[in-house]
Amino acid sequence: MYYLKRLKDLRESRNLKQQSLAELLDITRQQYSLYETGTREIPLHHLKKLAQFYQISTDYILEITDEKI
């Protein structure tokens, strides 16, 4: 799961708490934490919503590319 570090880095670079992103995704903070730690894979619809929120490509989150857009 290559996206773990990018998810955390994106959140921290914007000074966001896990709770804020959990609310965006309509899940619990604990559930979001499981995504960042790799305990649970992030569903595609949540990945897409995060990419839209950060205004970046899903390929960037997944470390397919280093281009944000």
N, C-alpha and C. Protein backbone atom coordinates (compact mmCIF):
# COMPACT_ATOMS: atom_id res chain seq x y z
N MET A 1 0.85 -1.18 0.00
CA MET A 1 0.00 0.00 0.00
C MET A 1 0.89 1.24 0.00
N TYR A 2 1.09 1.72 -1.19
CA TYR A 2 2.05 2.79 -1.40
C TYR A 2 1.56 4.15 -0.95
N TYR A 3 0.29 4.30 -0.82
CA TYR A 3 -0.28 5.62 -0.57
C TYR A 3 -0.20 6.06 0.89
N LEU A 4 0.21 5.19 1.78
CA LEU A 4 0.15 5.50 3.21
C LEU A 4 0.90 6.78 3.57
N LYS A 5 2.14 6.89 3.14
CA LYS A 5 2.92 8.07 3.49
C LYS A 5 2.35 9.32 2.83
N ARG A 6 1.90 9.19 1.60
CA ARG A 6 1.34 10.36 0.91
C ARG A 6 0.07 10.83 1.59
N LEU A 7 -0.79 9.93 2.02
CA LEU A 7 -2.01 10.34 2.71
C LEU A 7 -1.68 11.16 3.95
N LYS A 8 -0.75 10.66 4.74
CA LYS A 8 -0.38 11.35 5.97
C LYS A 8 0.32 12.67 5.65
N ASP A 9 1.23 12.66 4.69
CA ASP A 9 1.95 13.89 4.32
C ASP A 9 1.00 14.97 3.81
N LEU A 10 0.04 14.58 2.99
CA LEU A 10 -0.93 15.55 2.48
C LEU A 10 -1.72 16.17 3.62
N ARG A 11 -2.16 15.33 4.53
CA ARG A 11 -2.95 15.82 5.67
C ARG A 11 -2.13 16.75 6.54
N GLU A 12 -0.93 16.33 6.89
CA GLU A 12 -0.09 17.13 7.78
C GLU A 12 0.39 18.43 7.13
N SER A 13 0.62 18.41 5.82
CA SER A 13 1.09 19.62 5.14
C SER A 13 0.02 20.72 5.15
N ARG A 14 -1.21 20.32 5.39
CA ARG A 14 -2.32 21.29 5.45
C ARG A 14 -2.81 21.49 6.88
N ASN A 15 -2.03 20.97 7.83
CA ASN A 15 -2.36 21.08 9.25
C ASN A 15 -3.77 20.58 9.57
N LEU A 16 -4.13 19.47 8.96
CA LEU A 16 -5.44 18.88 9.19
C LEU A 16 -5.33 17.72 10.18
N LYS A 17 -6.37 17.51 10.91
CA LYS A 17 -6.47 16.37 11.82
C LYS A 17 -7.17 15.22 11.11
N GLN A 18 -6.90 14.02 11.56
CA GLN A 18 -7.59 12.87 11.00
C GLN A 18 -9.10 13.03 11.10
N GLN A 19 -9.56 13.64 12.16
CA GLN A 19 -11.00 13.83 12.37
C GLN A 19 -11.63 14.64 11.23
N SER A 20 -10.92 15.65 10.77
CA SER A 20 -11.45 16.48 9.68
C SER A 20 -11.66 15.67 8.41
N LEU A 21 -10.70 14.83 8.09
CA LEU A 21 -10.83 14.01 6.89
C LEU A 21 -11.86 12.91 7.08
N ALA A 22 -11.95 12.39 8.28
CA ALA A 22 -12.97 11.39 8.57
C ALA A 22 -14.36 11.99 8.34
N GLU A 23 -14.56 13.21 8.79
CA GLU A 23 -15.85 13.87 8.58
C GLU A 23 -16.12 14.09 7.10
N LEU A 24 -15.09 14.46 6.33
CA LEU A 24 -15.23 14.63 4.89
C LEU A 24 -15.69 13.33 4.24
N LEU A 25 -15.15 12.21 4.69
CA LEU A 25 -15.46 10.91 4.11
C LEU A 25 -16.67 10.25 4.77
N ASP A 26 -17.20 10.88 5.81
CA ASP A 26 -18.35 10.35 6.55
C ASP A 26 -18.04 8.99 7.17
N ILE A 27 -16.86 8.94 7.82
CA ILE A 27 -16.42 7.75 8.54
C ILE A 27 -15.89 8.19 9.90
N THR A 28 -15.52 7.25 10.74
CA THR A 28 -14.96 7.60 12.03
C THR A 28 -13.48 7.95 11.90
N ARG A 29 -12.97 8.66 12.89
CA ARG A 29 -11.55 8.98 12.90
C ARG A 29 -10.73 7.70 12.96
N GLN A 30 -11.22 6.73 13.71
CA GLN A 30 -10.51 5.46 13.84
C GLN A 30 -10.41 4.76 12.48
N GLN A 31 -11.49 4.82 11.71
CA GLN A 31 -11.47 4.21 10.37
C GLN A 31 -10.44 4.90 9.49
N TYR A 32 -10.41 6.24 9.53
CA TYR A 32 -9.43 6.95 8.72
C TYR A 32 -8.02 6.59 9.16
N SER A 33 -7.80 6.47 10.45
CA SER A 33 -6.49 6.09 10.97
C SER A 33 -6.05 4.74 10.42
N LEU A 34 -6.98 3.82 10.27
CA LEU A 34 -6.66 2.51 9.71
C LEU A 34 -6.17 2.62 8.27
N TYR A 35 -6.68 3.59 7.53
CA TYR A 35 -6.20 3.83 6.16
C TYR A 35 -4.75 4.30 6.18
N GLU A 36 -4.44 5.25 7.06
CA GLU A 36 -3.08 5.81 7.11
C GLU A 36 -2.05 4.79 7.61
N THR A 37 -2.47 3.89 8.47
CA THR A 37 -1.52 2.91 9.01
C THR A 37 -1.43 1.66 8.15
N GLY A 38 -2.30 1.53 7.18
CA GLY A 38 -2.27 0.38 6.30
C GLY A 38 -2.98 -0.84 6.84
N THR A 39 -3.66 -0.69 7.95
CA THR A 39 -4.41 -1.80 8.52
C THR A 39 -5.60 -2.15 7.64
N ARG A 40 -6.13 -1.16 6.97
CA ARG A 40 -7.27 -1.37 6.07
C ARG A 40 -7.03 -0.59 4.78
N GLU A 41 -7.35 -1.20 3.65
CA GLU A 41 -7.20 -0.52 2.37
C GLU A 41 -8.30 0.53 2.21
N ILE A 42 -7.92 1.62 1.59
CA ILE A 42 -8.89 2.69 1.38
C ILE A 42 -9.76 2.37 0.17
N PRO A 43 -11.07 2.47 0.31
CA PRO A 43 -11.95 2.21 -0.83
C PRO A 43 -11.74 3.24 -1.94
N LEU A 44 -11.97 2.82 -3.15
CA LEU A 44 -11.76 3.69 -4.30
C LEU A 44 -12.56 4.98 -4.21
N HIS A 45 -13.80 4.91 -3.73
CA HIS A 45 -14.61 6.13 -3.67
C HIS A 45 -14.05 7.12 -2.64
N HIS A 46 -13.39 6.63 -1.60
CA HIS A 46 -12.75 7.54 -0.64
C HIS A 46 -11.47 8.13 -1.23
N LEU A 47 -10.74 7.32 -1.96
CA LEU A 47 -9.52 7.80 -2.62
C LEU A 47 -9.87 8.93 -3.59
N LYS A 48 -10.92 8.72 -4.35
CA LYS A 48 -11.36 9.74 -5.31
C LYS A 48 -11.78 11.03 -4.60
N LYS A 49 -12.51 10.89 -3.51
CA LYS A 49 -12.97 12.07 -2.78
C LYS A 49 -11.79 12.85 -2.18
N LEU A 50 -10.79 12.13 -1.67
CA LEU A 50 -9.60 12.80 -1.13
C LEU A 50 -8.83 13.52 -2.24
N ALA A 51 -8.71 12.90 -3.40
CA ALA A 51 -8.02 13.54 -4.52
C ALA A 51 -8.74 14.83 -4.92
N GLN A 52 -10.06 14.78 -4.95
CA GLN A 52 -10.83 15.99 -5.27
C GLN A 52 -10.64 17.05 -4.19
N PHE A 53 -10.65 16.65 -2.94
CA PHE A 53 -10.48 17.58 -1.84
C PHE A 53 -9.11 18.27 -1.91
N TYR A 54 -8.06 17.49 -2.15
CA TYR A 54 -6.71 18.05 -2.22
C TYR A 54 -6.39 18.67 -3.57
N GLN A 55 -7.27 18.48 -4.54
CA GLN A 55 -7.10 18.96 -5.91
C GLN A 55 -5.82 18.39 -6.53
N ILE A 56 -5.69 17.08 -6.41
CA ILE A 56 -4.55 16.37 -6.98
C ILE A 56 -5.07 15.10 -7.66
N SER A 57 -4.19 14.41 -8.36
CA SER A 57 -4.61 13.18 -9.02
C SER A 57 -4.52 11.99 -8.06
N THR A 58 -5.33 11.00 -8.33
CA THR A 58 -5.23 9.76 -7.55
C THR A 58 -3.89 9.09 -7.81
N ASP A 59 -3.33 9.27 -9.00
CA ASP A 59 -2.02 8.70 -9.30
C ASP A 59 -0.95 9.26 -8.37
N TYR A 60 -1.08 10.52 -7.99
CA TYR A 60 -0.12 11.11 -7.05
C TYR A 60 -0.25 10.44 -5.68
N ILE A 61 -1.45 10.29 -5.19
CA ILE A 61 -1.66 9.65 -3.89
C ILE A 61 -1.10 8.23 -3.91
N LEU A 62 -1.32 7.52 -5.02
CA LEU A 62 -0.89 6.13 -5.13
C LEU A 62 0.60 5.99 -5.49
N GLU A 63 1.30 7.11 -5.60
CA GLU A 63 2.73 7.15 -5.94
C GLU A 63 3.03 6.54 -7.30
N ILE A 64 2.08 6.65 -8.21
CA ILE A 64 2.33 6.26 -9.59
C ILE A 64 3.12 7.35 -10.29
N THR A 65 2.89 8.57 -9.83
CA THR A 65 3.59 9.73 -10.38
C THR A 65 3.91 10.68 -9.25
N ASP A 66 4.86 11.57 -9.51
CA ASP A 66 5.17 12.64 -8.56
C ASP A 66 4.51 13.94 -8.97
N GLU A 67 3.78 13.91 -10.09
CA GLU A 67 3.03 15.08 -10.56
C GLU A 67 1.72 15.13 -9.80
N LYS A 68 1.43 16.25 -9.17
CA LYS A 68 0.21 16.36 -8.37
C LYS A 68 -1.04 16.45 -9.21
N ILE A 69 -0.92 16.95 -10.42
CA ILE A 69 -2.12 17.09 -11.28
C ILE A 69 -1.95 16.29 -12.54
